Structure formats: C-alpha cells, structure tokens
C-alpha cells in the first residue's frame, strides 16, 4: 500500500500541478475538450494509464467537460499515486487539446 502524504508534501506536489485543486483528502481537475469525441478519447487514454498504474480515478463526463477526482481509497487519503496519475492526466489532456 502507498504511504499517505502529509500536508507539506501535498502542498509541494500541488505546486507541480497548478490545474489541480485539493478538496480534503482528494484532488480534482475539470477539463473542457474541443469536442465530445476528444473528451471520450481523453477518458480512454486516462483509463489505460489508470489500468497500467493500478490506480483508478473517479471520472465524470458531461458533453465536452470531463472531471477527474483522485484519492487512494485503500490508504484513506492522498499518496504519490494520486499525483503521479494527475501528471499523466495533464499530459493526456494536452495531447487531446483539453483545457
């Protein structure tokens, strides 16, 4: 199991991910894709990355808007797994033109 991050570590990791927001023991980001299909392709890429990492975000799709929420449920809060996957989501979003 991944170790929980303390507040200082969480704050530090969030500085590397300026588009993500902390909400208690989870982080989230909302993106707008250029089209519905681009949003679905983004979700598909993130799903593959999540499977590879064995770490799965909550995903909400509303037409072109896609929201991701990350928390390590098995650890009861935020771990490095959340921030590593958030960085992969950011990279995928850039490839799909989502902002």
N, C-alpha and C. Protein backbone atom coordinates (compact mmCIF):
# COMPACT_ATOMS: atom_id res chain seq x y z
N UNK A 1 0.85 -1.19 0.00
CA UNK A 1 0.00 0.00 0.00
C UNK A 1 0.89 1.25 0.00
N UNK A 2 0.47 2.26 -0.72
CA UNK A 2 1.20 3.52 -0.79
C UNK A 2 1.03 4.29 0.52
N UNK A 3 2.08 5.02 0.91
CA UNK A 3 2.05 5.81 2.14
C UNK A 3 1.30 7.11 1.92
N UNK A 4 0.51 7.50 2.93
CA UNK A 4 -0.18 8.79 2.90
C UNK A 4 0.84 9.92 2.91
N UNK A 5 0.54 10.97 2.18
CA UNK A 5 1.38 12.17 2.18
C UNK A 5 0.89 13.12 3.26
N UNK A 6 1.83 13.82 3.91
CA UNK A 6 1.43 14.82 4.89
C UNK A 6 1.10 16.13 4.16
N UNK A 7 0.58 17.10 4.90
CA UNK A 7 0.13 18.35 4.28
C UNK A 7 1.24 19.06 3.52
N UNK A 8 2.46 19.06 4.07
CA UNK A 8 3.57 19.74 3.40
C UNK A 8 3.89 19.07 2.07
N UNK A 9 3.89 17.75 2.04
CA UNK A 9 4.16 17.02 0.80
C UNK A 9 3.05 17.25 -0.22
N UNK A 10 1.82 17.27 0.24
CA UNK A 10 0.68 17.52 -0.66
C UNK A 10 0.79 18.91 -1.27
N UNK A 11 1.08 19.90 -0.45
CA UNK A 11 1.24 21.27 -0.94
C UNK A 11 2.36 21.35 -1.98
N UNK A 12 3.46 20.68 -1.71
CA UNK A 12 4.58 20.67 -2.64
C UNK A 12 4.22 20.02 -3.97
N UNK A 13 3.53 18.90 -3.90
CA UNK A 13 3.14 18.20 -5.14
C UNK A 13 2.12 19.02 -5.93
N UNK A 14 1.23 19.72 -5.24
CA UNK A 14 0.23 20.55 -5.93
C UNK A 14 0.89 21.71 -6.68
N UNK A 15 2.02 22.19 -6.20
CA UNK A 15 2.73 23.26 -6.90
C UNK A 15 3.20 22.79 -8.27
N UNK A 16 3.43 21.49 -8.42
CA UNK A 16 3.84 20.91 -9.70
C UNK A 16 2.64 20.70 -10.63
N UNK A 17 1.43 20.77 -10.07
CA UNK A 17 0.20 20.51 -10.82
C UNK A 17 -0.78 21.66 -10.59
N UNK A 18 -0.51 22.83 -11.16
CA UNK A 18 -1.29 24.03 -10.84
C UNK A 18 -2.77 23.97 -11.24
N UNK A 19 -3.14 23.05 -12.11
CA UNK A 19 -4.55 22.96 -12.52
C UNK A 19 -5.37 22.04 -11.63
N UNK A 20 -4.74 21.45 -10.64
CA UNK A 20 -5.43 20.55 -9.72
C UNK A 20 -5.73 21.27 -8.41
N UNK A 21 -6.85 20.91 -7.79
CA UNK A 21 -7.29 21.54 -6.54
C UNK A 21 -7.49 20.47 -5.49
N UNK A 22 -7.07 20.79 -4.29
CA UNK A 22 -7.28 19.86 -3.18
C UNK A 22 -8.64 20.11 -2.56
N UNK A 23 -9.32 19.02 -2.24
CA UNK A 23 -10.59 19.06 -1.53
C UNK A 23 -10.51 17.98 -0.47
N UNK A 24 -10.05 18.37 0.71
CA UNK A 24 -9.88 17.38 1.78
C UNK A 24 -8.80 16.38 1.42
N UNK A 25 -9.16 15.12 1.36
CA UNK A 25 -8.21 14.06 1.07
C UNK A 25 -8.31 13.57 -0.37
N UNK A 26 -8.61 14.50 -1.27
CA UNK A 26 -8.64 14.16 -2.70
C UNK A 26 -8.23 15.39 -3.50
N UNK A 27 -7.85 15.16 -4.75
CA UNK A 27 -7.55 16.26 -5.66
C UNK A 27 -8.44 16.10 -6.89
N UNK A 28 -8.75 17.23 -7.51
CA UNK A 28 -9.63 17.15 -8.67
C UNK A 28 -9.25 18.19 -9.72
N UNK A 29 -9.66 17.88 -10.95
CA UNK A 29 -9.46 18.79 -12.07
C UNK A 29 -10.61 18.62 -13.06
N UNK A 30 -11.09 19.73 -13.59
CA UNK A 30 -12.14 19.72 -14.60
C UNK A 30 -11.54 20.28 -15.89
N UNK A 31 -11.80 19.59 -16.99
CA UNK A 31 -11.26 19.98 -18.29
C UNK A 31 -12.38 20.14 -19.31
N UNK A 32 -12.15 20.99 -20.30
CA UNK A 32 -13.08 21.10 -21.42
C UNK A 32 -12.34 20.65 -22.68
N UNK A 33 -12.86 19.62 -23.30
CA UNK A 33 -12.28 19.09 -24.54
C UNK A 33 -12.82 19.87 -25.73
N UNK A 34 -12.10 19.88 -26.85
CA UNK A 34 -12.58 20.61 -28.01
C UNK A 34 -13.83 20.01 -28.65
N UNK A 35 -14.10 18.75 -28.38
CA UNK A 35 -15.31 18.09 -28.89
C UNK A 35 -15.67 16.95 -27.95
N UNK A 36 -16.88 16.45 -28.09
CA UNK A 36 -17.29 15.30 -27.28
C UNK A 36 -16.36 14.12 -27.51
N UNK A 37 -16.06 13.83 -28.78
CA UNK A 37 -15.21 12.68 -29.07
C UNK A 37 -13.80 12.86 -28.52
N UNK A 38 -13.27 14.07 -28.54
CA UNK A 38 -11.95 14.32 -27.96
C UNK A 38 -11.98 14.04 -26.45
N UNK A 39 -13.09 14.39 -25.80
CA UNK A 39 -13.24 14.09 -24.38
C UNK A 39 -13.27 12.60 -24.12
N UNK A 40 -13.97 11.86 -24.97
CA UNK A 40 -14.04 10.40 -24.82
C UNK A 40 -12.67 9.78 -25.08
N UNK A 41 -11.96 10.28 -26.08
CA UNK A 41 -10.61 9.78 -26.35
C UNK A 41 -9.67 10.07 -25.18
N UNK A 42 -9.83 11.23 -24.55
CA UNK A 42 -9.05 11.56 -23.35
C UNK A 42 -9.35 10.55 -22.25
N UNK A 43 -10.62 10.30 -22.00
CA UNK A 43 -11.01 9.35 -20.96
C UNK A 43 -10.44 7.96 -21.27
N UNK A 44 -10.48 7.56 -22.54
CA UNK A 44 -9.92 6.26 -22.93
C UNK A 44 -8.43 6.19 -22.61
N UNK A 45 -7.69 7.25 -22.93
CA UNK A 45 -6.26 7.26 -22.65
C UNK A 45 -6.00 7.22 -21.14
N UNK A 46 -6.77 8.00 -20.38
CA UNK A 46 -6.60 8.00 -18.93
C UNK A 46 -6.95 6.63 -18.35
N UNK A 47 -7.99 6.00 -18.87
CA UNK A 47 -8.37 4.67 -18.38
C UNK A 47 -7.24 3.67 -18.59
N UNK A 48 -6.57 3.76 -19.73
CA UNK A 48 -5.45 2.85 -20.00
C UNK A 48 -4.29 3.13 -19.04
N UNK A 49 -4.00 4.40 -18.80
CA UNK A 49 -2.94 4.77 -17.85
C UNK A 49 -3.29 4.30 -16.45
N UNK A 50 -4.57 4.43 -16.09
CA UNK A 50 -5.02 4.01 -14.76
C UNK A 50 -4.88 2.50 -14.59
N UNK A 51 -5.22 1.75 -15.61
CA UNK A 51 -5.07 0.29 -15.55
C UNK A 51 -3.60 -0.07 -15.40
N UNK A 52 -2.76 0.60 -16.16
CA UNK A 52 -1.31 0.34 -16.09
C UNK A 52 -0.76 0.63 -14.70
N UNK A 53 -1.26 1.70 -14.09
CA UNK A 53 -0.79 2.10 -12.75
C UNK A 53 -1.53 1.39 -11.63
N UNK A 54 -2.58 0.66 -11.98
CA UNK A 54 -3.46 0.02 -10.98
C UNK A 54 -3.95 1.06 -9.97
N UNK A 55 -4.38 2.19 -10.52
CA UNK A 55 -4.88 3.30 -9.70
C UNK A 55 -5.95 4.02 -10.52
N UNK A 56 -7.17 4.03 -10.04
CA UNK A 56 -8.30 4.44 -10.88
C UNK A 56 -8.99 5.69 -10.35
N UNK A 57 -9.09 6.72 -11.19
CA UNK A 57 -9.75 7.96 -10.78
C UNK A 57 -11.27 7.84 -10.89
N UNK A 58 -11.96 8.70 -10.19
CA UNK A 58 -13.39 8.90 -10.45
C UNK A 58 -13.45 9.82 -11.67
N UNK A 59 -14.31 9.48 -12.62
CA UNK A 59 -14.41 10.24 -13.86
C UNK A 59 -15.87 10.60 -14.11
N UNK A 60 -16.09 11.87 -14.43
CA UNK A 60 -17.44 12.34 -14.76
C UNK A 60 -17.37 13.02 -16.13
N UNK A 61 -18.24 12.59 -17.05
CA UNK A 61 -18.26 13.15 -18.40
C UNK A 61 -19.59 13.87 -18.60
N UNK A 62 -19.52 15.14 -18.97
CA UNK A 62 -20.69 15.96 -19.28
C UNK A 62 -20.43 16.66 -20.60
N UNK A 63 -20.86 16.05 -21.67
CA UNK A 63 -20.63 16.51 -23.04
C UNK A 63 -19.14 16.74 -23.25
N UNK A 64 -18.64 17.97 -23.35
CA UNK A 64 -17.21 18.22 -23.58
C UNK A 64 -16.43 18.40 -22.28
N UNK A 65 -17.11 18.44 -21.15
CA UNK A 65 -16.45 18.64 -19.87
C UNK A 65 -16.20 17.30 -19.20
N UNK A 66 -14.94 17.10 -18.82
CA UNK A 66 -14.54 15.86 -18.15
C UNK A 66 -13.89 16.24 -16.82
N UNK A 67 -14.36 15.61 -15.76
CA UNK A 67 -13.81 15.88 -14.43
C UNK A 67 -13.15 14.61 -13.89
N UNK A 68 -11.99 14.79 -13.27
CA UNK A 68 -11.25 13.69 -12.66
C UNK A 68 -11.07 13.98 -11.17
N UNK A 69 -11.27 12.96 -10.35
CA UNK A 69 -11.03 13.06 -8.91
C UNK A 69 -10.11 11.92 -8.52
N UNK A 70 -9.07 12.25 -7.77
CA UNK A 70 -8.10 11.24 -7.35
C UNK A 70 -7.96 11.20 -5.84
N UNK A 71 -7.92 9.99 -5.32
CA UNK A 71 -7.64 9.72 -3.91
C UNK A 71 -7.28 8.24 -3.83
N UNK A 72 -6.39 7.90 -2.93
CA UNK A 72 -6.03 6.49 -2.76
C UNK A 72 -6.93 5.92 -1.67
N UNK A 73 -8.04 5.34 -2.09
CA UNK A 73 -9.05 4.86 -1.14
C UNK A 73 -8.48 3.83 -0.18
N UNK A 74 -7.61 2.95 -0.66
CA UNK A 74 -7.07 1.90 0.20
C UNK A 74 -6.18 2.46 1.31
N UNK A 75 -5.61 3.66 1.08
CA UNK A 75 -4.76 4.29 2.09
C UNK A 75 -5.53 5.32 2.91
N UNK A 76 -6.73 5.69 2.46
CA UNK A 76 -7.53 6.65 3.19
C UNK A 76 -7.14 8.10 2.96
N UNK A 77 -6.57 8.40 1.80
CA UNK A 77 -6.20 9.79 1.53
C UNK A 77 -5.32 9.91 0.31
N UNK A 78 -4.47 10.91 0.31
CA UNK A 78 -3.62 11.21 -0.85
C UNK A 78 -2.24 10.58 -0.71
N UNK A 79 -1.82 9.94 -1.81
CA UNK A 79 -0.49 9.33 -1.87
C UNK A 79 0.19 9.80 -3.15
N UNK A 80 1.43 9.39 -3.32
CA UNK A 80 2.16 9.74 -4.54
C UNK A 80 1.46 9.18 -5.78
N UNK A 81 0.72 8.08 -5.63
CA UNK A 81 -0.01 7.52 -6.78
C UNK A 81 -0.98 8.54 -7.37
N UNK A 82 -1.62 9.32 -6.52
CA UNK A 82 -2.58 10.32 -7.00
C UNK A 82 -1.90 11.39 -7.83
N UNK A 83 -0.77 11.87 -7.36
CA UNK A 83 -0.08 12.94 -8.06
C UNK A 83 0.61 12.44 -9.32
N UNK A 84 1.10 11.21 -9.29
CA UNK A 84 1.69 10.63 -10.50
C UNK A 84 0.63 10.48 -11.59
N UNK A 85 -0.55 9.99 -11.23
CA UNK A 85 -1.61 9.84 -12.22
C UNK A 85 -2.13 11.20 -12.67
N UNK A 86 -2.19 12.17 -11.78
CA UNK A 86 -2.61 13.52 -12.16
C UNK A 86 -1.68 14.09 -13.23
N UNK A 87 -0.39 13.86 -13.09
CA UNK A 87 0.57 14.34 -14.09
C UNK A 87 0.33 13.65 -15.44
N UNK A 88 0.00 12.37 -15.40
CA UNK A 88 -0.30 11.64 -16.64
C UNK A 88 -1.59 12.15 -17.27
N UNK A 89 -2.57 12.50 -16.43
CA UNK A 89 -3.83 13.07 -16.95
C UNK A 89 -3.55 14.41 -17.61
N UNK A 90 -2.72 15.24 -16.99
CA UNK A 90 -2.37 16.53 -17.58
C UNK A 90 -1.72 16.35 -18.96
N UNK A 91 -0.80 15.39 -19.06
CA UNK A 91 -0.13 15.15 -20.34
C UNK A 91 -1.12 14.66 -21.39
N UNK A 92 -2.02 13.77 -20.99
CA UNK A 92 -3.04 13.27 -21.93
C UNK A 92 -3.97 14.41 -22.35
N UNK A 93 -4.35 15.27 -21.42
CA UNK A 93 -5.22 16.40 -21.74
C UNK A 93 -4.56 17.30 -22.79
N UNK A 94 -3.29 17.56 -22.63
CA UNK A 94 -2.58 18.40 -23.60
C UNK A 94 -2.57 17.75 -24.99
N UNK A 95 -2.38 16.44 -25.04
CA UNK A 95 -2.38 15.73 -26.33
C UNK A 95 -3.75 15.79 -27.01
N UNK A 96 -4.83 15.87 -26.22
CA UNK A 96 -6.17 15.87 -26.78
C UNK A 96 -6.78 17.27 -26.88
N UNK A 97 -5.97 18.30 -26.59
CA UNK A 97 -6.44 19.68 -26.73
C UNK A 97 -7.45 20.09 -25.68
N UNK A 98 -7.47 19.39 -24.55
CA UNK A 98 -8.40 19.72 -23.47
C UNK A 98 -7.75 20.72 -22.52
N UNK A 99 -8.53 21.69 -22.08
CA UNK A 99 -8.02 22.71 -21.16
C UNK A 99 -8.90 22.84 -19.95
